[in-house]
C-alpha atoms as a PDB file:
ATOM      1  CA  MET A   1       8.377  14.198  -2.068  1.00  0.00           C
ATOM      2  CA  HIS A   2       4.580  14.262  -1.612  1.00  0.00           C
ATOM      3  CA  ILE A   3       2.218  13.762  -4.414  1.00  0.00           C
ATOM      4  CA  LEU A   4      -1.514  14.285  -4.946  1.00  0.00           C
ATOM      5  CA  ALA A   5      -3.412  11.352  -5.957  1.00  0.00           C
ATOM      6  CA  SER A   6      -7.424  11.751  -7.410  1.00  0.00           C
ATOM      7  CA  THR A   7      -9.706   9.202  -7.160  1.00  0.00           C
ATOM      8  CA  GLY A   8     -13.192  10.151  -8.301  1.00  0.00           C
ATOM      9  CA  ARG A   9     -14.126  13.653  -6.420  1.00  0.00           C
ATOM     10  CA  THR A  10     -11.495  12.925  -3.466  1.00  0.00           C
ATOM     11  CA  THR A  11      -7.654  14.174  -3.505  1.00  0.00           C
ATOM     12  CA  ALA A  12      -5.307  12.852  -1.018  1.00  0.00           C
ATOM     13  CA  LEU A  13      -2.123  13.529  -0.076  1.00  0.00           C
ATOM     14  CA  LEU A  14       0.249  10.659  -0.407  1.00  0.00           C
ATOM     15  CA  LEU A  15       3.551  10.144   1.422  1.00  0.00           C
ATOM     16  CA  PRO A  16       6.534   8.468  -0.058  1.00  0.00           C
ATOM     17  CA  VAL A  17       7.367   4.526   1.112  1.00  0.00           C
ATOM     18  CA  ARG A  18      11.307   5.086   1.721  1.00  0.00           C
ATOM     19  CA  ALA A  19      12.712   1.710   2.797  1.00  0.00           C
ATOM     20  CA  PRO A  20      11.365  -2.271   2.192  1.00  0.00           C
ATOM     21  CA  GLU A  21      11.239  -2.161   6.460  1.00  0.00           C
ATOM     22  CA  ASP A  22       8.667   0.552   6.242  1.00  0.00           C
ATOM     23  CA  LEU A  23       6.054  -1.831   4.051  1.00  0.00           C
ATOM     24  CA  GLU A  24       5.354  -4.056   7.226  1.00  0.00           C
ATOM     25  CA  TYR A  25       5.174  -1.490   9.573  1.00  0.00           C
ATOM     26  CA  LEU A  26       2.909   0.786   7.734  1.00  0.00           C
ATOM     27  CA  VAL A  27       0.337  -2.491   6.849  1.00  0.00           C
ATOM     28  CA  LYS A  28       0.426  -3.277  10.413  1.00  0.00           C
ATOM     29  CA  GLU A  29       0.078   0.116  11.564  1.00  0.00           C
ATOM     30  CA  SER A  30      -3.052   0.536   9.180  1.00  0.00           C
ATOM     31  CA  GLU A  31      -4.424  -3.178  10.372  1.00  0.00           C
ATOM     32  CA  ILE A  32      -4.498  -1.725  13.669  1.00  0.00           C
ATOM     33  CA  VAL A  33      -5.721   1.575  13.323  1.00  0.00           C
ATOM     34  CA  THR A  34      -8.788   0.746  11.241  1.00  0.00           C
ATOM     35  CA  GLY A  35      -9.378  -2.188  11.927  1.00  0.00           C
ATOM     36  CA  LEU A  36      -9.249  -3.739   8.151  1.00  0.00           C
ATOM     37  CA  PRO A  37      -7.299  -5.875   6.582  1.00  0.00           C
ATOM     38  CA  GLY A  38      -4.054  -4.681   4.609  1.00  0.00           C
ATOM     39  CA  ARG A  39      -3.299  -1.258   2.869  1.00  0.00           C
ATOM     40  CA  THR A  40      -3.143   0.249   0.049  1.00  0.00           C
ATOM     41  CA  PHE A  41       0.398   1.649  -1.990  1.00  0.00           C
ATOM     42  CA  VAL A  42       0.208   3.355  -5.081  1.00  0.00           C
ATOM     43  CA  ILE A  43       2.803   3.477  -7.713  1.00  0.00           C
ATOM     44  CA  ALA A  44       3.425   6.391  -9.400  1.00  0.00           C
ATOM     45  CA  GLY A  45       3.568   6.705 -12.773  1.00  0.00           C
ATOM     46  CA  ALA A  46       0.950   7.251 -15.668  1.00  0.00           C
ATOM     47  CA  ASP A  47      -0.965   4.190 -15.112  1.00  0.00           C
ATOM     48  CA  ARG A  48      -0.936   4.692 -11.161  1.00  0.00           C
ATOM     49  CA  LEU A  49      -1.002   1.009 -10.437  1.00  0.00           C
ATOM     50  CA  ALA A  50      -2.813   0.490  -7.168  1.00  0.00           C
ATOM     51  CA  TYR A  51      -1.734  -2.445  -4.906  1.00  0.00           C
ATOM     52  CA  ARG A  52      -3.274  -4.135  -1.264  1.00  0.00           C
ATOM     53  CA  LEU A  53      -0.417  -5.721   0.780  1.00  0.00           C
ATOM     54  CA  GLN A  54      -1.912  -7.663   3.625  1.00  0.00           C
ATOM     55  CA  TRP A  55       0.760  -8.923   6.157  1.00  0.00           C
ATOM     56  CA  HIS A  56       1.302 -12.623   7.324  1.00  0.00           C
ATOM     57  CA  PRO A  57       3.450 -14.389   9.610  1.00  0.00           C
ATOM     58  CA  LEU A  58       5.299 -16.008   6.277  1.00  0.00           C
ATOM     59  CA  GLY A  59       5.119 -12.694   4.112  1.00  0.00           C
ATOM     60  CA  PHE A  60       2.560 -10.819   2.389  1.00  0.00           C
ATOM     61  CA  GLN A  61      -0.754 -11.122   0.466  1.00  0.00           C
ATOM     62  CA  VAL A  62      -0.504  -9.073  -2.629  1.00  0.00           C
ATOM     63  CA  GLU A  63      -3.924  -8.005  -4.052  1.00  0.00           C
ATOM     64  CA  ARG A  64      -3.825  -5.775  -7.556  1.00  0.00           C
ATOM     65  CA  LEU A  65      -6.292  -3.074  -7.643  1.00  0.00           C
ATOM     66  CA  ASP A  66      -8.242  -2.030 -10.308  1.00  0.00           C
ATOM     67  CA  SER A  67      -9.188   2.290 -10.291  1.00  0.00           C
ATOM     68  CA  ASP A  68     -12.150   1.195  -8.328  1.00  0.00           C
ATOM     69  CA  ALA A  69     -10.410  -0.490  -5.569  1.00  0.00           C
ATOM     70  CA  ARG A  70     -11.457  -4.107  -6.555  1.00  0.00           C
ATOM     71  CA  THR A  71      -9.191  -6.971  -6.565  1.00  0.00           C
ATOM     72  CA  LEU A  72      -8.103  -7.919  -9.950  1.00  0.00           C
ATOM     73  CA  HIS A  73      -5.773 -10.509  -9.106  1.00  0.00           C
ATOM     74  CA  VAL A  74      -4.228 -11.988  -5.504  1.00  0.00           C
ATOM     75  CA  GLN A  75      -0.428 -13.508  -4.544  1.00  0.00           C
ATOM     76  CA  GLN A  76      -1.188 -15.411  -1.453  1.00  0.00           C
ATOM     77  CA  GLN A  77       1.880 -15.067   0.597  1.00  0.00           C
ATOM     78  CA  LEU A  78       4.570 -14.578  -0.830  1.00  0.00           C
ATOM     79  CA  LEU A  79       7.689 -15.181   0.877  1.00  0.00           C
ATOM     80  CA  LEU A  80      10.283 -12.531   1.278  1.00  0.00           C
ATOM     81  CA  PHE A  81      12.962 -13.948  -1.224  1.00  0.00           C
ATOM     82  CA  GLU A  82       9.349 -13.957  -3.676  1.00  0.00           C
ATOM     83  CA  PHE A  83       8.824 -10.360  -2.950  1.00  0.00           C
ATOM     84  CA  LEU A  84      12.150  -9.178  -3.222  1.00  0.00           C
ATOM     85  CA  ASP A  85      11.518  -9.079  -7.220  1.00  0.00           C
ATOM     86  CA  HIS A  86       7.767  -7.858  -7.023  1.00  0.00           C
ATOM     87  CA  PRO A  87       7.040  -4.422  -8.893  1.00  0.00           C
ATOM     88  CA  LEU A  88       6.056  -2.899  -5.369  1.00  0.00           C
ATOM     89  CA  LEU A  89       9.962  -3.418  -4.386  1.00  0.00           C
ATOM     90  CA  GLU A  90      10.927  -1.726  -8.136  1.00  0.00           C
ATOM     91  CA  ALA A  91       9.044   1.016  -7.292  1.00  0.00           C
ATOM     92  CA  LEU A  92      10.182   1.710  -4.030  1.00  0.00           C
ATOM     93  CA  HIS A  93      14.046   1.741  -5.199  1.00  0.00           C
ATOM     94  CA  ALA A  94      12.893   4.263  -7.874  1.00  0.00           C
ATOM     95  CA  GLY A  95      11.174   6.237  -5.302  1.00  0.00           C
ATOM     96  CA  GLN A  96       7.882   5.641  -6.887  1.00  0.00           C
ATOM     97  CA  LEU A  97       5.750   3.947  -3.883  1.00  0.00           C
ATOM     98  CA  PHE A  98       3.490   5.625  -1.881  1.00  0.00           C
ATOM     99  CA  THR A  99       0.494   5.494   0.390  1.00  0.00           C
ATOM    100  CA  ALA A 100      -2.365   7.444   1.928  1.00  0.00           C
ATOM    101  CA  PRO A 101      -1.760   8.787   5.858  1.00  0.00           C
ATOM    102  CA  ILE A 102      -3.929   7.068   8.297  1.00  0.00           C
ATOM    103  CA  GLU A 103      -6.799   8.646   9.129  1.00  0.00           C
ATOM    104  CA  PHE A 104      -8.899   8.200  12.097  1.00  0.00           C
ATOM    105  CA  ASP A 105     -10.986   9.465  14.794  1.00  0.00           C
ATOM    106  CA  PRO A 106      -9.995   9.605  18.414  1.00  0.00           C
ATOM    107  CA  PRO A 107     -12.107   8.308  20.712  1.00  0.00           C
ATOM    108  CA  ARG A 108     -14.552  11.234  22.382  1.00  0.00           C
ATOM    109  CA  GLY A 109     -15.309  11.449  26.004  1.00  0.00           C
END
């Protein structure tokens, strides 16, 4: 299942997140490819809640984002047992957690 997300004038195809183990991989992938901290995830629903996850050796930093991708609230370094009760994991288990594919330009040479 894929969903479309509209933000302003752009529409992006969102990919489903299928397993908790995928979160760490997806965050690290984004940080390596883009050079920017974290990755944005969206909970599919009427409110389309958005979160940015950043990976840390002890756990995740979770930022709740508004509709303009500005940080509303930050939870610093949630340990795994703390993260297990987070709404992101509830959405994942319900099949409602999505992220945008990574876009990058290959080097030209």
